[in-house]
Amino acid sequence: MNVINTWSEVPRFESEEDECAFWRNTRIDARLMNGSLLKTDARESTTVTLRIDPRMLARIKRLARMRYLNYQSMIKQWLSERLEKENAN
């Protein structure tokens, strides 16, 4: 099994078949993947308080559990997606 240690080691592929064959025998080093994750700084976040109907919150939490997400993270994702949509107009 080949291990990719830098992103420059990933070639450009001519076809999906070539890419499939490459990844069949190659994996990415965990340190490279960990270094690629977006790490947010707690100082970049602001705590807000929202009053939400308990039934709505229960529905949100249920949806989040079904998607294996933290409900607060899911709400932030929804807000981010909506902001992108609003900015596109």
PDB file of N, CA and C in Angstrom:
ATOM      1  N   MET A   1       0.856  -1.180   0.000  1.00  0.00           N
ATOM      2  CA  MET A   1       0.000   0.000   0.000  1.00  0.00           C
ATOM      3  C   MET A   1       0.896   1.236   0.000  1.00  0.00           C
ATOM      4  N   ASN A   2       0.689   2.124  -0.955  1.00  0.00           N
ATOM      5  CA  ASN A   2       1.420   3.387  -1.028  1.00  0.00           C
ATOM      6  C   ASN A   2       0.779   4.384  -0.071  1.00  0.00           C
ATOM      7  N   VAL A   3       1.594   5.250   0.501  1.00  0.00           N
ATOM      8  CA  VAL A   3       1.101   6.265   1.435  1.00  0.00           C
ATOM      9  C   VAL A   3       1.461   7.647   0.907  1.00  0.00           C
ATOM     10  N   ILE A   4       0.474   8.526   0.820  1.00  0.00           N
ATOM     11  CA  ILE A   4       0.671   9.905   0.383  1.00  0.00           C
ATOM     12  C   ILE A   4       1.014  10.747   1.602  1.00  0.00           C
ATOM     13  N   ASN A   5       2.168  11.411   1.569  1.00  0.00           N
ATOM     14  CA  ASN A   5       2.593  12.256   2.685  1.00  0.00           C
ATOM     15  C   ASN A   5       2.450  13.741   2.399  1.00  0.00           C
ATOM     16  N   THR A   6       2.342  14.102   1.117  1.00  0.00           N
ATOM     17  CA  THR A   6       2.126  15.501   0.730  1.00  0.00           C
ATOM     18  C   THR A   6       1.107  15.526  -0.399  1.00  0.00           C
ATOM     19  N   TRP A   7       0.349  16.607  -0.494  1.00  0.00           N
ATOM     20  CA  TRP A   7      -0.676  16.699  -1.533  1.00  0.00           C
ATOM     21  C   TRP A   7      -0.072  16.726  -2.929  1.00  0.00           C
ATOM     22  N   SER A   8       1.164  17.158  -3.036  1.00  0.00           N
ATOM     23  CA  SER A   8       1.792  17.209  -4.365  1.00  0.00           C
ATOM     24  C   SER A   8       2.044  15.804  -4.929  1.00  0.00           C
ATOM     25  N   GLU A   9       1.973  14.780  -4.101  1.00  0.00           N
ATOM     26  CA  GLU A   9       2.160  13.405  -4.557  1.00  0.00           C
ATOM     27  C   GLU A   9       0.924  12.851  -5.273  1.00  0.00           C
ATOM     28  N   VAL A  10      -0.198  13.550  -5.173  1.00  0.00           N
ATOM     29  CA  VAL A  10      -1.417  13.090  -5.843  1.00  0.00           C
ATOM     30  C   VAL A  10      -1.363  13.584  -7.288  1.00  0.00           C
ATOM     31  N   PRO A  11      -1.346  12.658  -8.251  1.00  0.00           N
ATOM     32  CA  PRO A  11      -1.220  13.074  -9.660  1.00  0.00           C
ATOM     33  C   PRO A  11      -2.552  13.564 -10.224  1.00  0.00           C
ATOM     34  N   ARG A  12      -2.475  14.167 -11.395  1.00  0.00           N
ATOM     35  CA  ARG A  12      -3.692  14.499 -12.150  1.00  0.00           C
ATOM     36  C   ARG A  12      -4.083  13.234 -12.903  1.00  0.00           C
ATOM     37  N   PHE A  13      -5.360  12.964 -12.943  1.00  0.00           N
ATOM     38  CA  PHE A  13      -5.834  11.730 -13.552  1.00  0.00           C
ATOM     39  C   PHE A  13      -6.479  12.011 -14.905  1.00  0.00           C
ATOM     40  N   GLU A  14      -6.248  11.114 -15.835  1.00  0.00           N
ATOM     41  CA  GLU A  14      -6.829  11.231 -17.171  1.00  0.00           C
ATOM     42  C   GLU A  14      -8.294  10.793 -17.181  1.00  0.00           C
ATOM     43  N   SER A  15      -8.629   9.854 -16.290  1.00  0.00           N
ATOM     44  CA  SER A  15      -9.996   9.329 -16.265  1.00  0.00           C
ATOM     45  C   SER A  15     -10.345   8.883 -14.850  1.00  0.00           C
ATOM     46  N   GLU A  16     -11.616   8.629 -14.626  1.00  0.00           N
ATOM     47  CA  GLU A  16     -12.049   8.123 -13.333  1.00  0.00           C
ATOM     48  C   GLU A  16     -11.473   6.739 -13.069  1.00  0.00           C
ATOM     49  N   GLU A  17     -11.305   5.967 -14.126  1.00  0.00           N
ATOM     50  CA  GLU A  17     -10.731   4.627 -13.982  1.00  0.00           C
ATOM     51  C   GLU A  17      -9.299   4.706 -13.464  1.00  0.00           C
ATOM     52  N   ASP A  18      -8.518   5.670 -13.994  1.00  0.00           N
ATOM     53  CA  ASP A  18      -7.142   5.861 -13.519  1.00  0.00           C
ATOM     54  C   ASP A  18      -7.136   6.266 -12.045  1.00  0.00           C
ATOM     55  N   GLU A  19      -8.039   7.160 -11.698  1.00  0.00           N
ATOM     56  CA  GLU A  19      -8.116   7.616 -10.312  1.00  0.00           C
ATOM     57  C   GLU A  19      -8.510   6.472  -9.383  1.00  0.00           C
ATOM     58  N   CYS A  20      -9.461   5.668  -9.838  1.00  0.00           N
ATOM     59  CA  CYS A  20      -9.911   4.519  -9.049  1.00  0.00           C
ATOM     60  C   CYS A  20      -8.751   3.546  -8.807  1.00  0.00           C
ATOM     61  N   ALA A  21      -7.999   3.263  -9.863  1.00  0.00           N
ATOM     62  CA  ALA A  21      -6.862   2.347  -9.740  1.00  0.00           C
ATOM     63  C   ALA A  21      -5.814   2.905  -8.784  1.00  0.00           C
ATOM     64  N   PHE A  22      -5.570   4.216  -8.851  1.00  0.00           N
ATOM     65  CA  PHE A  22      -4.585   4.845  -7.971  1.00  0.00           C
ATOM     66  C   PHE A  22      -4.992   4.699  -6.507  1.00  0.00           C
ATOM     67  N   TRP A  23      -6.245   5.071  -6.189  1.00  0.00           N
ATOM     68  CA  TRP A  23      -6.681   5.054  -4.783  1.00  0.00           C
ATOM     69  C   TRP A  23      -6.910   3.646  -4.259  1.00  0.00           C
ATOM     70  N   ARG A  24      -7.039   2.676  -5.147  1.00  0.00           N
ATOM     71  CA  ARG A  24      -7.203   1.289  -4.711  1.00  0.00           C
ATOM     72  C   ARG A  24      -5.954   0.826  -3.956  1.00  0.00           C
ATOM     73  N   ASN A  25      -4.789   1.359  -4.331  1.00  0.00           N
ATOM     74  CA  ASN A  25      -3.521   0.928  -3.727  1.00  0.00           C
ATOM     75  C   ASN A  25      -2.822   2.043  -2.970  1.00  0.00           C
ATOM     76  N   THR A  26      -3.539   3.111  -2.677  1.00  0.00           N
ATOM     77  CA  THR A  26      -2.915   4.268  -2.040  1.00  0.00           C
ATOM     78  C   THR A  26      -3.808   4.779  -0.927  1.00  0.00           C
ATOM     79  N   ARG A  27      -3.169   5.247   0.133  1.00  0.00           N
ATOM     80  CA  ARG A  27      -3.924   5.893   1.207  1.00  0.00           C
ATOM     81  C   ARG A  27      -3.215   7.178   1.596  1.00  0.00           C
ATOM     82  N   ILE A  28      -3.943   8.055   2.260  1.00  0.00           N
ATOM     83  CA  ILE A  28      -3.387   9.332   2.700  1.00  0.00           C
ATOM     84  C   ILE A  28      -2.942   9.192   4.145  1.00  0.00           C
ATOM     85  N   ASP A  29      -1.735   9.661   4.435  1.00  0.00           N
ATOM     86  CA  ASP A  29      -1.213   9.633   5.798  1.00  0.00           C
ATOM     87  C   ASP A  29      -2.139  10.423   6.721  1.00  0.00           C
ATOM     88  N   ALA A  30      -2.416   9.886   7.891  1.00  0.00           N
ATOM     89  CA  ALA A  30      -3.342  10.512   8.851  1.00  0.00           C
ATOM     90  C   ALA A  30      -2.884  11.914   9.237  1.00  0.00           C
ATOM     91  N   ARG A  31      -1.576  12.128   9.333  1.00  0.00           N
ATOM     92  CA  ARG A  31      -1.079  13.464   9.698  1.00  0.00           C
ATOM     93  C   ARG A  31      -1.411  14.488   8.627  1.00  0.00           C
ATOM     94  N   LEU A  32      -1.393  14.062   7.365  1.00  0.00           N
ATOM     95  CA  LEU A  32      -1.749  14.966   6.274  1.00  0.00           C
ATOM     96  C   LEU A  32      -3.235  15.308   6.346  1.00  0.00           C
ATOM     97  N   MET A  33      -4.068  14.313   6.621  1.00  0.00           N
ATOM     98  CA  MET A  33      -5.505  14.554   6.748  1.00  0.00           C
ATOM     99  C   MET A  33      -5.799  15.462   7.942  1.00  0.00           C
ATOM    100  N   ASN A  34      -5.165  15.200   9.069  1.00  0.00           N
ATOM    101  CA  ASN A  34      -5.396  16.017  10.261  1.00  0.00           C
ATOM    102  C   ASN A  34      -4.963  17.459  10.041  1.00  0.00           C
ATOM    103  N   GLY A  35      -3.904  17.657   9.286  1.00  0.00           N
ATOM    104  CA  GLY A  35      -3.439  19.004   9.002  1.00  0.00           C
ATOM    105  C   GLY A  35      -4.356  19.746   8.043  1.00  0.00           C
ATOM    106  N   SER A  36      -5.213  18.999   7.356  1.00  0.00           N
ATOM    107  CA  SER A  36      -6.118  19.610   6.380  1.00  0.00           C
ATOM    108  C   SER A  36      -7.448  20.027   6.984  1.00  0.00           C
ATOM    109  N   LEU A  37      -7.738  19.552   8.176  1.00  0.00           N
ATOM    110  CA  LEU A  37      -9.009  19.882   8.804  1.00  0.00           C
ATOM    111  C   LEU A  37      -9.029  21.336   9.219  1.00  0.00           C
ATOM    112  N   LEU A  38     -10.179  21.958   8.997  1.00  0.00           N
ATOM    113  CA  LEU A  38     -10.354  23.347   9.404  1.00  0.00           C
ATOM    114  C   LEU A  38     -10.543  23.381  10.907  1.00  0.00           C
ATOM    115  N   LYS A  39      -9.646  24.031  11.583  1.00  0.00           N
ATOM    116  CA  LYS A  39      -9.743  24.150  13.028  1.00  0.00           C
ATOM    117  C   LYS A  39     -10.170  25.573  13.356  1.00  0.00           C
ATOM    118  N   THR A  40     -11.319  25.694  13.980  1.00  0.00           N
ATOM    119  CA  THR A  40     -11.788  27.024  14.327  1.00  0.00           C
ATOM    120  C   THR A  40     -11.243  27.407  15.694  1.00  0.00           C
ATOM    121  N   ASP A  41     -10.911  28.629  15.814  1.00  0.00           N
ATOM    122  CA  ASP A  41     -10.420  29.166  17.071  1.00  0.00           C
ATOM    123  C   ASP A  41     -11.632  29.616  17.880  1.00  0.00           C
ATOM    124  N   ALA A  42     -11.692  29.221  19.137  1.00  0.00           N
ATOM    125  CA  ALA A  42     -12.832  29.582  19.978  1.00  0.00           C
ATOM    126  C   ALA A  42     -13.014  31.092  20.043  1.00  0.00           C
ATOM    127  N   ARG A  43     -11.934  31.849  19.891  1.00  0.00           N
ATOM    128  CA  ARG A  43     -12.031  33.305  19.926  1.00  0.00           C
ATOM    129  C   ARG A  43     -12.748  33.850  18.698  1.00  0.00           C
ATOM    130  N   GLU A  44     -12.856  33.018  17.654  1.00  0.00           N
ATOM    131  CA  GLU A  44     -13.532  33.445  16.433  1.00  0.00           C
ATOM    132  C   GLU A  44     -15.036  33.255  16.521  1.00  0.00           C
ATOM    133  N   SER A  45     -15.519  32.663  17.604  1.00  0.00           N
ATOM    134  CA  SER A  45     -16.935  32.407  17.771  1.00  0.00           C
ATOM    135  C   SER A  45     -17.517  33.313  18.839  1.00  0.00           C
ATOM    136  N   THR A  46     -18.779  33.632  18.652  1.00  0.00           N
ATOM    137  CA  THR A  46     -19.505  34.423  19.628  1.00  0.00           C
ATOM    138  C   THR A  46     -20.716  33.626  20.067  1.00  0.00           C
ATOM    139  N   THR A  47     -20.953  33.582  21.338  1.00  0.00           N
ATOM    140  CA  THR A  47     -22.113  32.877  21.860  1.00  0.00           C
ATOM    141  C   THR A  47     -23.345  33.756  21.707  1.00  0.00           C
ATOM    142  N   VAL A  48     -24.420  33.148  21.199  1.00  0.00           N
ATOM    143  CA  VAL A  48     -25.694  33.852  21.077  1.00  0.00           C
ATOM    144  C   VAL A  48     -26.768  33.025  21.776  1.00  0.00           C
ATOM    145  N   THR A  49     -27.828  33.686  22.169  1.00  0.00           N
ATOM    146  CA  THR A  49     -28.951  33.013  22.797  1.00  0.00           C
ATOM    147  C   THR A  49     -30.175  33.185  21.920  1.00  0.00           C
ATOM    148  N   LEU A  50     -30.830  32.079  21.596  1.00  0.00           N
ATOM    149  CA  LEU A  50     -32.052  32.099  20.801  1.00  0.00           C
ATOM    150  C   LEU A  50     -33.163  31.445  21.596  1.00  0.00           C
ATOM    151  N   ARG A  51     -34.326  32.013  21.525  1.00  0.00           N
ATOM    152  CA  ARG A  51     -35.495  31.393  22.150  1.00  0.00           C
ATOM    153  C   ARG A  51     -36.205  30.615  21.052  1.00  0.00           C
ATOM    154  N   ILE A  52     -36.290  29.292  21.216  1.00  0.00           N
ATOM    155  CA  ILE A  52     -36.877  28.416  20.212  1.00  0.00           C
ATOM    156  C   ILE A  52     -37.983  27.604  20.868  1.00  0.00           C
ATOM    157  N   ASP A  53     -39.077  27.473  20.154  1.00  0.00           N
ATOM    158  CA  ASP A  53     -40.184  26.651  20.621  1.00  0.00           C
ATOM    159  C   ASP A  53     -39.663  25.245  20.954  1.00  0.00           C
ATOM    160  N   PRO A  54     -40.020  24.693  22.111  1.00  0.00           N
ATOM    161  CA  PRO A  54     -39.494  23.377  22.506  1.00  0.00           C
ATOM    162  C   PRO A  54     -39.792  22.267  21.497  1.00  0.00           C
ATOM    163  N   ARG A  55     -40.962  22.317  20.869  1.00  0.00           N
ATOM    164  CA  ARG A  55     -41.296  21.284  19.876  1.00  0.00           C
ATOM    165  C   ARG A  55     -40.398  21.397  18.659  1.00  0.00           C
ATOM    166  N   MET A  56     -40.098  22.647  18.228  1.00  0.00           N
ATOM    167  CA  MET A  56     -39.203  22.835  17.092  1.00  0.00           C
ATOM    168  C   MET A  56     -37.798  22.346  17.439  1.00  0.00           C
ATOM    169  N   LEU A  57     -37.341  22.660  18.629  1.00  0.00           N
ATOM    170  CA  LEU A  57     -36.008  22.220  19.047  1.00  0.00           C
ATOM    171  C   LEU A  57     -35.933  20.695  19.100  1.00  0.00           C
ATOM    172  N   ALA A  58     -36.989  20.065  19.572  1.00  0.00           N
ATOM    173  CA  ALA A  58     -37.016  18.599  19.614  1.00  0.00           C
ATOM    174  C   ALA A  58     -36.914  18.019  18.208  1.00  0.00           C
ATOM    175  N   ARG A  59     -37.608  18.635  17.246  1.00  0.00           N
ATOM    176  CA  ARG A  59     -37.542  18.173  15.859  1.00  0.00           C
ATOM    177  C   ARG A  59     -36.135  18.361  15.293  1.00  0.00           C
ATOM    178  N   ILE A  60     -35.511  19.492  15.600  1.00  0.00           N
ATOM    179  CA  ILE A  60     -34.146  19.752  15.134  1.00  0.00           C
ATOM    180  C   ILE A  60     -33.186  18.726  15.712  1.00  0.00           C
ATOM    181  N   LYS A  61     -33.313  18.466  17.014  1.00  0.00           N
ATOM    182  CA  LYS A  61     -32.430  17.481  17.658  1.00  0.00           C
ATOM    183  C   LYS A  61     -32.627  16.093  17.063  1.00  0.00           C
ATOM    184  N   ARG A  62     -33.866  15.743  16.776  1.00  0.00           N
ATOM    185  CA  ARG A  62     -34.148  14.434  16.183  1.00  0.00           C
ATOM    186  C   ARG A  62     -33.505  14.329  14.799  1.00  0.00           C
ATOM    187  N   LEU A  63     -33.648  15.378  13.989  1.00  0.00           N
ATOM    188  CA  LEU A  63     -33.001  15.395  12.670  1.00  0.00           C
ATOM    189  C   LEU A  63     -31.489  15.262  12.786  1.00  0.00           C
ATOM    190  N   ALA A  64     -30.917  15.999  13.725  1.00  0.00           N
ATOM    191  CA  ALA A  64     -29.463  15.966  13.909  1.00  0.00           C
ATOM    192  C   ALA A  64     -29.005  14.565  14.309  1.00  0.00           C
ATOM    193  N   ARG A  65     -29.733  13.926  15.216  1.00  0.00           N
ATOM    194  CA  ARG A  65     -29.365  12.565  15.631  1.00  0.00           C
ATOM    195  C   ARG A  65     -29.413  11.603  14.459  1.00  0.00           C
ATOM    196  N   MET A  66     -30.424  11.751  13.605  1.00  0.00           N
ATOM    197  CA  MET A  66     -30.551  10.874  12.434  1.00  0.00           C
ATOM    198  C   MET A  66     -29.366  11.047  11.493  1.00  0.00           C
ATOM    199  N   ARG A  67     -28.773  12.241  11.482  1.00  0.00           N
ATOM    200  CA  ARG A  67     -27.627  12.534  10.613  1.00  0.00           C
ATOM    201  C   ARG A  67     -26.295  12.409  11.351  1.00  0.00           C
ATOM    202  N   TYR A  68     -26.346  11.934  12.593  1.00  0.00           N
ATOM    203  CA  TYR A  68     -25.147  11.772  13.422  1.00  0.00           C
ATOM    204  C   TYR A  68     -24.397  13.084  13.588  1.00  0.00           C
ATOM    205  N   LEU A  69     -25.156  14.167  13.800  1.00  0.00           N
ATOM    206  CA  LEU A  69     -24.578  15.488  13.985  1.00  0.00           C
ATOM    207  C   LEU A  69     -24.970  16.047  15.339  1.00  0.00           C
ATOM    208  N   ASN A  70     -24.178  16.973  15.816  1.00  0.00           N
ATOM    209  CA  ASN A  70     -24.546  17.772  16.973  1.00  0.00           C
ATOM    210  C   ASN A  70     -25.581  18.782  16.486  1.00  0.00           C
ATOM    211  N   TYR A  71     -26.678  18.951  17.223  1.00  0.00           N
ATOM    212  CA  TYR A  71     -27.746  19.817  16.714  1.00  0.00           C
ATOM    213  C   TYR A  71     -27.290  21.258  16.552  1.00  0.00           C
ATOM    214  N   GLN A  72     -26.402  21.725  17.415  1.00  0.00           N
ATOM    215  CA  GLN A  72     -25.916  23.103  17.286  1.00  0.00           C
ATOM    216  C   GLN A  72     -25.069  23.260  16.028  1.00  0.00           C
ATOM    217  N   SER A  73     -24.259  22.262  15.738  1.00  0.00           N
ATOM    218  CA  SER A  73     -23.457  22.302  14.506  1.00  0.00           C
ATOM    219  C   SER A  73     -24.345  22.279  13.278  1.00  0.00           C
ATOM    220  N   MET A  74     -25.416  21.500  13.337  1.00  0.00           N
ATOM    221  CA  MET A  74     -26.328  21.442  12.207  1.00  0.00           C
ATOM    222  C   MET A  74     -27.009  22.795  11.987  1.00  0.00           C
ATOM    223  N   ILE A  75     -27.403  23.453  13.066  1.00  0.00           N
ATOM    224  CA  ILE A  75     -28.017  24.775  12.949  1.00  0.00           C
ATOM    225  C   ILE A  75     -27.028  25.761  12.335  1.00  0.00           C
ATOM    226  N   LYS A  76     -25.773  25.716  12.778  1.00  0.00           N
ATOM    227  CA  LYS A  76     -24.756  26.607  12.200  1.00  0.00           C
ATOM    228  C   LYS A  76     -24.564  26.323  10.717  1.00  0.00           C
ATOM    229  N   GLN A  77     -24.588  25.049  10.345  1.00  0.00           N
ATOM    230  CA  GLN A  77     -24.457  24.677   8.936  1.00  0.00           C
ATOM    231  C   GLN A  77     -25.627  25.237   8.141  1.00  0.00           C
ATOM    232  N   TRP A  78     -26.835  25.122   8.662  1.00  0.00           N
ATOM    233  CA  TRP A  78     -28.011  25.656   7.977  1.00  0.00           C
ATOM    234  C   TRP A  78     -27.891  27.166   7.798  1.00  0.00           C
ATOM    235  N   LEU A  79     -27.472  27.854   8.848  1.00  0.00           N
ATOM    236  CA  LEU A  79     -27.326  29.304   8.761  1.00  0.00           C
ATOM    237  C   LEU A  79     -26.285  29.684   7.709  1.00  0.00           C
ATOM    238  N   SER A  80     -25.184  28.964   7.698  1.00  0.00           N
ATOM    239  CA  SER A  80     -24.125  29.238   6.729  1.00  0.00           C
ATOM    240  C   SER A  80     -24.622  29.033   5.301  1.00  0.00           C
ATOM    241  N   GLU A  81     -25.342  27.922   5.069  1.00  0.00           N
ATOM    242  CA  GLU A  81     -25.873  27.644   3.738  1.00  0.00           C
ATOM    243  C   GLU A  81     -26.850  28.729   3.305  1.00  0.00           C
ATOM    244  N   ARG A  82     -27.686  29.173   4.226  1.00  0.00           N
ATOM    245  CA  ARG A  82     -28.671  30.209   3.886  1.00  0.00           C
ATOM    246  C   ARG A  82     -27.981  31.531   3.578  1.00  0.00           C
ATOM    247  N   LEU A  83     -26.939  31.868   4.337  1.00  0.00           N
ATOM    248  CA  LEU A  83     -26.194  33.093   4.060  1.00  0.00           C
ATOM    249  C   LEU A  83     -25.563  33.060   2.679  1.00  0.00           C
ATOM    250  N   GLU A  84     -25.007  31.916   2.304  1.00  0.00           N
ATOM    251  CA  GLU A  84     -24.424  31.764   0.968  1.00  0.00           C
ATOM    252  C   GLU A  84     -25.480  31.963  -0.108  1.00  0.00           C
ATOM    253  N   LYS A  85     -26.661  31.384   0.138  1.00  0.00           N
ATOM    254  CA  LYS A  85     -27.756  31.513  -0.817  1.00  0.00           C
ATOM    255  C   LYS A  85     -28.195  32.971  -0.935  1.00  0.00           C
ATOM    256  N   GLU A  86     -28.308  33.668   0.180  1.00  0.00           N
ATOM    257  CA  GLU A  86     -28.711  35.081   0.175  1.00  0.00           C
ATOM    258  C   GLU A  86     -27.663  35.953  -0.530  1.00  0.00           C
ATOM    259  N   ASN A  87     -26.397  35.654  -0.312  1.00  0.00           N
ATOM    260  CA  ASN A  87     -25.327  36.435  -0.935  1.00  0.00           C
ATOM    261  C   ASN A  87     -25.244  36.198  -2.433  1.00  0.00           C
ATOM    262  N   ALA A  88     -25.735  35.056  -2.892  1.00  0.00           N
ATOM    263  CA  ALA A  88     -25.685  34.730  -4.322  1.00  0.00           C
ATOM    264  C   ALA A  88     -26.714  35.549  -5.102  1.00  0.00           C
ATOM    265  N   ASN A  89     -27.714  36.060  -4.416  1.00  0.00           N
ATOM    266  CA  ASN A  89     -28.781  36.826  -5.104  1.00  0.00           C
ATOM    267  C   ASN A  89     -28.391  38.235  -5.343  1.00  0.00           C
TER     268      ASN A  89
END
